[in-house]
Protein backbone atom coordinates (compact mmCIF):
# COMPACT_ATOMS: atom_id res chain seq x y z
CA MET A 1 0.00 0.00 0.00
CA ASP A 2 1.52 3.27 -1.11
CA ILE A 3 1.65 5.96 1.52
CA PRO A 4 1.73 9.43 0.01
CA PHE A 5 4.32 11.82 1.34
CA GLU A 6 3.86 15.46 1.58
CA GLU A 7 5.75 17.74 -0.73
CA GLY A 8 9.15 18.65 0.62
CA MET A 9 9.38 15.59 2.84
CA LEU A 10 12.09 13.05 2.27
CA SER A 11 11.63 9.36 2.40
CA PRO A 12 13.23 7.53 5.28
CA SER A 13 15.70 5.95 2.98
CA ALA A 14 16.68 9.31 1.46
CA ASP A 15 18.43 10.33 4.65
CA MET A 16 20.58 7.24 4.43
CA ARG A 17 21.65 7.67 0.78
CA PRO A 18 23.72 10.51 -0.66
CA GLU A 19 22.38 12.32 -3.66
CA PRO A 20 23.89 10.80 -6.82
CA PRO A 21 26.09 13.17 -8.81
CA ASN A 22 24.58 14.53 -11.97
CA SER A 23 26.83 15.83 -14.73
CA LEU A 24 23.89 17.20 -16.72
CA ASP A 25 23.08 20.86 -16.42
CA LEU A 26 19.28 20.82 -15.95
CA ASN A 27 18.97 24.32 -14.53
CA GLY A 28 21.17 25.98 -17.16
CA SER A 29 24.00 26.66 -14.71
CA HIS A 30 27.55 25.55 -15.48
CA PRO A 31 29.78 24.12 -12.80
CA GLN A 32 32.60 26.55 -12.13
CA ARG A 33 36.09 25.12 -12.53
CA ILE A 34 39.04 26.22 -10.53
CA LYS A 35 41.75 27.99 -12.55
CA LEU A 36 45.19 27.44 -11.13
CA THR A 37 47.83 30.07 -11.59
CA ALA A 38 51.36 28.73 -11.98
CA PRO A 39 53.86 30.38 -9.67
CA ASN A 40 56.81 32.21 -11.10
CA ILE A 41 59.64 29.68 -11.30
CA ASN A 42 63.27 30.47 -11.86
CA LEU A 43 64.85 27.66 -13.93
CA SER A 44 68.35 28.29 -12.68
CA LEU A 45 70.07 25.39 -10.94
CA ASP A 46 71.12 27.33 -7.86
CA GLN A 47 69.07 27.44 -4.66
CA SER A 48 68.54 31.19 -4.63
CA GLU A 49 65.18 32.75 -3.93
CA GLY A 50 62.68 31.90 -6.64
CA SER A 51 64.75 29.03 -8.02
CA ILE A 52 63.17 25.69 -8.75
CA LEU A 53 65.59 24.10 -6.30
CA SER A 54 64.92 26.58 -3.50
CA ASP A 55 63.41 25.42 -0.20
CA ASP A 56 60.26 27.47 -0.80
CA ASN A 57 59.42 25.61 -3.99
CA LEU A 58 60.26 22.19 -2.66
CA ASP A 59 57.36 22.35 -0.16
CA SER A 60 53.76 22.06 -1.35
CA PRO A 61 51.87 25.35 -0.77
CA ASP A 62 48.94 25.11 1.60
CA GLU A 63 46.83 27.70 -0.17
CA ILE A 64 46.33 25.55 -3.24
CA ASP A 65 43.18 23.51 -2.81
CA ILE A 66 42.37 21.12 -5.61
CA ASN A 67 39.03 19.37 -5.81
CA VAL A 68 39.80 16.01 -7.29
CA ASP A 69 36.14 15.33 -8.10
CA GLU A 70 35.99 18.28 -10.48
CA LEU A 71 39.14 17.33 -12.46
CA ASP A 72 38.71 15.72 -15.85
CA THR A 73 39.86 12.13 -15.79
CA PRO A 74 40.50 9.96 -18.87
CA ASP A 75 37.86 7.53 -19.85
CA GLU A 76 38.55 3.82 -19.62
CA ALA A 77 38.45 3.58 -23.41
CA ASP A 78 41.34 6.08 -23.61
CA SER A 79 43.58 4.00 -21.39
CA PHE A 80 46.28 1.82 -22.93
CA GLU A 81 46.81 -1.63 -21.61
CA TYR A 82 49.75 -3.71 -22.88
CA THR A 83 48.80 -7.36 -22.92
CA GLY A 84 51.88 -8.72 -24.71
CA HIS A 85 54.54 -10.74 -22.96
CA GLU A 86 58.02 -9.25 -23.07
CA ASP A 87 60.91 -11.64 -23.21
CA PRO A 88 63.86 -10.30 -21.20
CA MET A 89 66.28 -12.53 -23.09
CA SER A 90 65.21 -11.06 -26.43
CA ASN A 91 65.89 -7.55 -25.13
CA LYS A 92 69.26 -8.66 -23.90
CA ASN A 93 70.17 -10.24 -27.21
CA SER A 94 68.96 -7.26 -29.19
CA GLY A 95 71.08 -5.01 -27.01
CA GLN A 96 74.12 -7.12 -27.68
CA GLU A 97 73.50 -7.05 -31.42
CA SER A 98 73.15 -3.27 -31.47
CA GLU A 99 76.38 -2.89 -29.51
CA SER A 100 78.25 -5.20 -31.90
CA ILE A 101 77.63 -2.87 -34.88
CA PRO A 102 80.38 -0.21 -34.84
CA GLU A 103 79.44 3.37 -35.57
CA TYR A 104 80.68 4.67 -38.95
CA THR A 105 82.32 7.93 -37.93
CA ALA A 106 83.14 10.87 -40.17
CA GLU A 107 86.86 10.14 -39.84
CA GLU A 108 86.32 6.56 -41.02
CA GLU A 109 84.30 7.84 -43.95
CA ARG A 110 87.10 10.20 -44.96
CA GLU A 111 89.59 7.36 -44.57
CA ASP A 112 87.43 5.12 -46.74
CA ASN A 113 87.32 7.78 -49.47
CA ARG A 114 91.10 7.96 -49.40
CA LEU A 115 91.29 4.23 -50.13
CA TRP A 116 89.90 4.84 -53.62
CA ARG A 117 91.27 7.12 -56.31
CA THR A 118 89.32 8.18 -59.36
CA VAL A 119 91.38 8.78 -62.51
CA VAL A 120 90.64 9.39 -66.16
CA ILE A 121 92.50 7.14 -68.60
CA GLY A 122 91.67 7.18 -72.28
CA GLU A 123 88.72 9.55 -71.65
CA GLN A 124 87.21 6.95 -69.31
CA GLU A 125 86.82 7.33 -65.57
CA GLN A 126 88.49 4.54 -63.58
CA ARG A 127 88.60 3.80 -59.86
CA ILE A 128 91.76 2.47 -58.24
CA ASP A 129 91.70 0.37 -55.09
CA MET A 130 94.55 2.10 -53.27
CA LYS A 131 94.39 -0.23 -50.27
CA VAL A 132 95.13 -3.40 -52.22
CA ILE A 133 98.09 -1.86 -54.08
CA GLU A 134 99.58 -0.12 -51.03
CA PRO A 135 102.50 -2.61 -50.68
CA TYR A 136 103.35 -2.26 -54.40
CA ARG A 137 103.22 1.50 -54.95
CA ARG A 138 107.03 1.65 -54.88
CA VAL A 139 107.07 -0.10 -58.23
CA ILE A 140 107.14 3.31 -59.94
CA SER A 141 109.01 6.40 -58.77
CA HIS A 142 110.44 9.66 -60.05
CA GLY A 143 114.21 9.60 -60.62
CA GLY A 144 114.84 13.28 -61.27
CA TYR A 145 115.65 14.89 -64.60
CA TYR A 146 118.26 14.66 -67.31
CA GLY A 147 119.47 17.09 -69.94
CA ASP A 148 117.89 20.51 -70.26
CA GLY A 149 114.31 21.32 -69.34
CA LEU A 150 111.85 18.94 -67.68
CA ASN A 151 113.08 15.66 -69.13
CA ALA A 152 111.95 13.25 -66.43
CA ILE A 153 113.49 9.93 -65.41
CA ILE A 154 110.84 7.35 -64.48
CA VAL A 155 112.09 4.35 -62.51
CA PHE A 156 110.18 1.06 -62.65
CA ALA A 157 111.39 -1.52 -60.09
CA ALA A 158 110.06 -4.98 -61.00
CA CYS A 159 111.16 -6.41 -57.64
CA PHE A 160 108.20 -4.63 -56.02
CA LEU A 161 105.60 -6.38 -58.17
CA PRO A 162 103.16 -8.80 -56.46
CA ASP A 163 103.74 -12.52 -56.40
CA SER A 164 101.67 -14.42 -58.96
CA SER A 165 100.75 -16.99 -56.29
CA ARG A 166 98.30 -14.53 -54.72
CA ALA A 167 94.67 -15.54 -54.97
CA ASP A 168 93.71 -12.01 -56.07
CA TYR A 169 96.73 -11.56 -58.33
CA HIS A 170 94.76 -10.43 -61.39
CA TYR A 171 92.74 -7.95 -59.35
CA VAL A 172 95.91 -6.47 -57.84
CA MET A 173 97.64 -6.26 -61.23
CA GLU A 174 94.61 -4.58 -62.79
CA ASN A 175 94.57 -1.84 -60.14
CA LEU A 176 98.36 -1.56 -60.21
CA PHE A 177 98.23 -1.10 -63.97
CA LEU A 178 95.78 1.82 -63.58
CA TYR A 179 98.00 3.30 -60.87
CA VAL A 180 101.15 3.09 -63.03
CA ILE A 181 99.48 4.67 -66.06
CA SER A 182 97.87 7.51 -64.08
CA THR A 183 101.09 8.19 -62.15
CA LEU A 184 103.10 8.26 -65.36
CA GLU A 185 100.82 10.94 -66.78
CA LEU A 186 101.28 13.05 -63.65
CA MET A 187 105.08 12.74 -63.63
CA VAL A 188 105.75 13.46 -67.28
CA ALA A 189 105.63 17.03 -68.57
CA GLU A 190 107.92 16.87 -71.62
CA ASP A 191 110.37 14.24 -72.87
CA TYR A 192 111.19 11.38 -70.53
CA MET A 193 112.94 8.04 -70.23
CA ILE A 194 112.05 4.84 -68.38
CA VAL A 195 114.64 2.93 -66.36
CA TYR A 196 113.41 -0.63 -65.89
CA LEU A 197 115.18 -2.29 -62.94
CA ASN A 198 114.90 -6.00 -63.67
CA GLY A 199 117.48 -7.36 -61.24
CA ALA A 200 116.60 -9.34 -58.09
CA THR A 201 113.18 -10.18 -59.53
CA PRO A 202 112.16 -13.85 -59.42
CA ARG A 203 110.26 -15.33 -62.33
CA ARG A 204 106.99 -15.52 -60.36
CA LYS A 205 107.01 -11.72 -59.97
CA MET A 206 107.70 -10.92 -63.59
CA PRO A 207 104.73 -9.30 -65.35
CA GLY A 208 103.12 -11.32 -68.08
CA LEU A 209 103.31 -10.51 -71.77
CA GLY A 210 99.63 -9.48 -71.87
CA TRP A 211 100.09 -7.04 -68.98
CA MET A 212 103.08 -5.34 -70.63
CA LYS A 213 101.29 -5.17 -73.98
CA LYS A 214 98.23 -3.59 -72.33
CA CYS A 215 100.43 -0.99 -70.62
CA TYR A 216 101.95 -0.02 -73.96
CA GLN A 217 98.54 0.20 -75.65
CA MET A 218 96.92 2.22 -72.86
CA ILE A 219 99.69 4.79 -72.67
CA ASP A 220 98.56 8.07 -74.16
CA ARG A 221 99.88 8.88 -77.62
CA ARG A 222 101.69 11.90 -76.18
CA LEU A 223 103.55 9.65 -73.73
CA ARG A 224 104.53 7.17 -76.43
CA LYS A 225 105.79 9.99 -78.61
CA ASN A 226 107.75 11.74 -75.83
CA LEU A 227 109.46 8.55 -74.64
CA LYS A 228 113.08 8.94 -75.71
CA SER A 229 114.70 5.91 -74.14
CA PHE A 230 113.72 2.63 -72.46
CA ILE A 231 116.70 1.34 -70.45
CA ILE A 232 116.56 -2.20 -69.06
CA VAL A 233 119.03 -2.80 -66.22
CA HIS A 234 120.14 -6.39 -65.54
CA PRO A 235 118.12 -7.90 -68.39
CA SER A 236 117.25 -11.56 -67.88
CA TRP A 237 116.84 -14.22 -70.52
CA PHE A 238 113.07 -13.99 -70.04
CA ILE A 239 112.98 -10.26 -70.77
CA ARG A 240 115.15 -10.63 -73.85
CA THR A 241 112.90 -13.41 -75.13
CA ILE A 242 109.71 -11.40 -74.60
CA LEU A 243 111.09 -8.39 -76.43
CA ALA A 244 112.32 -10.57 -79.26
CA VAL A 245 108.88 -12.20 -79.63
CA THR A 246 106.98 -8.91 -79.47
CA ARG A 247 109.30 -7.02 -81.82
CA PRO A 248 107.14 -7.73 -84.91
CA PHE A 249 104.07 -6.34 -83.10
CA ILE A 250 105.58 -3.07 -81.88
CA SER A 251 106.72 -0.11 -83.90
CA SER A 252 110.28 0.12 -85.12
CA LYS A 253 110.59 3.51 -83.44
CA PHE A 254 109.87 1.97 -80.06
CA SER A 255 112.27 -0.92 -80.69
CA SER A 256 115.06 1.55 -81.40
CA LYS A 257 114.53 3.18 -78.00
CA ILE A 258 115.28 -0.05 -76.06
CA ARG A 259 118.72 -0.35 -74.55
CA TYR A 260 120.23 -3.05 -72.29
CA VAL A 261 122.48 -2.17 -69.36
CA SER A 262 124.25 -4.93 -67.44
CA SER A 263 125.32 -3.02 -64.30
CA LEU A 264 124.57 0.02 -62.18
CA SER A 265 127.99 1.47 -62.93
CA GLU A 266 127.17 1.36 -66.61
CA LEU A 267 123.85 3.06 -65.91
CA SER A 268 125.59 5.86 -63.98
CA GLY A 269 127.63 6.61 -67.10
CA LEU A 270 124.40 7.30 -69.04
CA ILE A 271 122.18 9.29 -66.65
CA PRO A 272 122.56 11.16 -63.32
CA MET A 273 121.97 8.86 -60.35
CA ASP A 274 121.53 11.48 -57.63
CA CYS A 275 117.73 11.23 -57.40
CA ILE A 276 117.29 7.60 -58.45
CA HIS A 277 116.34 5.25 -55.62
CA ILE A 278 117.84 1.81 -56.15
CA PRO A 279 116.29 -0.89 -53.91
CA GLU A 280 118.72 -2.63 -51.56
CA SER A 281 118.00 -6.01 -53.13
CA ILE A 282 119.07 -4.71 -56.55
CA VAL A 283 122.26 -3.18 -55.10
CA LYS A 284 123.21 -6.58 -53.63
CA TYR A 285 122.30 -8.29 -56.88
CA ASP A 286 124.53 -5.91 -58.82
CA GLU A 287 127.44 -6.48 -56.39
CA GLU A 288 127.14 -10.25 -56.75
CA LYS A 289 127.07 -10.05 -60.53
CA SER A 290 130.05 -7.69 -60.58
CA TYR A 291 131.99 -10.05 -58.29
CA LYS A 292 131.19 -13.09 -60.44
CA ARG A 293 132.14 -11.17 -63.55
CA THR A 294 135.46 -10.15 -62.00
CA VAL A 295 136.22 -13.70 -60.87
CA ARG A 296 135.34 -15.12 -64.27
CA THR A 297 137.49 -12.55 -66.04
CA SER A 298 140.38 -13.25 -63.69
CA CYS A 299 140.14 -16.96 -64.30
CA LEU A 300 140.16 -16.46 -68.06
CA TYR A 301 143.25 -14.29 -67.98
CA ASN A 302 145.09 -16.71 -65.69
CA ASP A 303 144.36 -19.70 -67.88
CA PRO A 304 147.72 -20.73 -69.39
CA GLU A 305 146.07 -22.58 -72.26
CA MET A 306 144.41 -19.42 -73.60
CA THR A 307 146.35 -17.37 -76.12
CA SER A 308 146.64 -13.63 -75.92
CA MET A 309 144.23 -13.32 -78.83
CA GLU A 310 141.56 -15.34 -76.99
CA LYS A 311 142.02 -13.30 -73.81
CA GLU A 312 141.44 -10.07 -75.77
């Protein structure tokens, strides 16, 4: 049986229950929000007055009263919940992998650029691997000048060539060929001569016929024309044979420029030796040959069975 209550009276249970909050504005009035004013903060790191590290700012002010119920809180749908399972071992391994990759610094990049040289040979751009030919760059050097003007002496020491037993022999020789040709063009201004030091060079280091032919063909026409002499010091039987075989395939002008020299003393009688660097191995080789030649000559002259005509 419903018992009517008078207007303005509350039910017995109303005194026991709080009035539920209502976010709707039924009376047209808006709830007033509290506007907080940020205090003036000095961002300096000292503990002077007004600094963020001062004692005044480290304590919470009592005059600031914040009603938590009136603050906007994120809805449950806006919250982010991570449900995946993180493997600590995977993070550890990934950290180790990232640490194992060295950083490519600017200095290393500049060093890497210095390991390659770009040259133009025969109107074509070529790149030279300078790192792989580093031990063999002494194969060609400048030996000063002769005569009047800028007549250069180019020294080619075959003893500094790579050993043919290398696995990358052809790659090294290809880059060394480009280096020799490009260096020759830089060294030569006018007429020049080439001094080919063949002594103290084992057969396995001797350049092949195809390599020498390619060098001759790739040399600029100006360089072939300005070459006045090609002196071979300590010529071996192999070198003489190669030149004899290739004579029909090279010009007669070039053949006339070839000259054989058997000793360093003979070479010094033809050109100035002040600026020519002779490798130590070739100096020893020349001394041994000179000693053997002297001993052989002495034995011939002391042979009583030889006539004076034969000795001469």
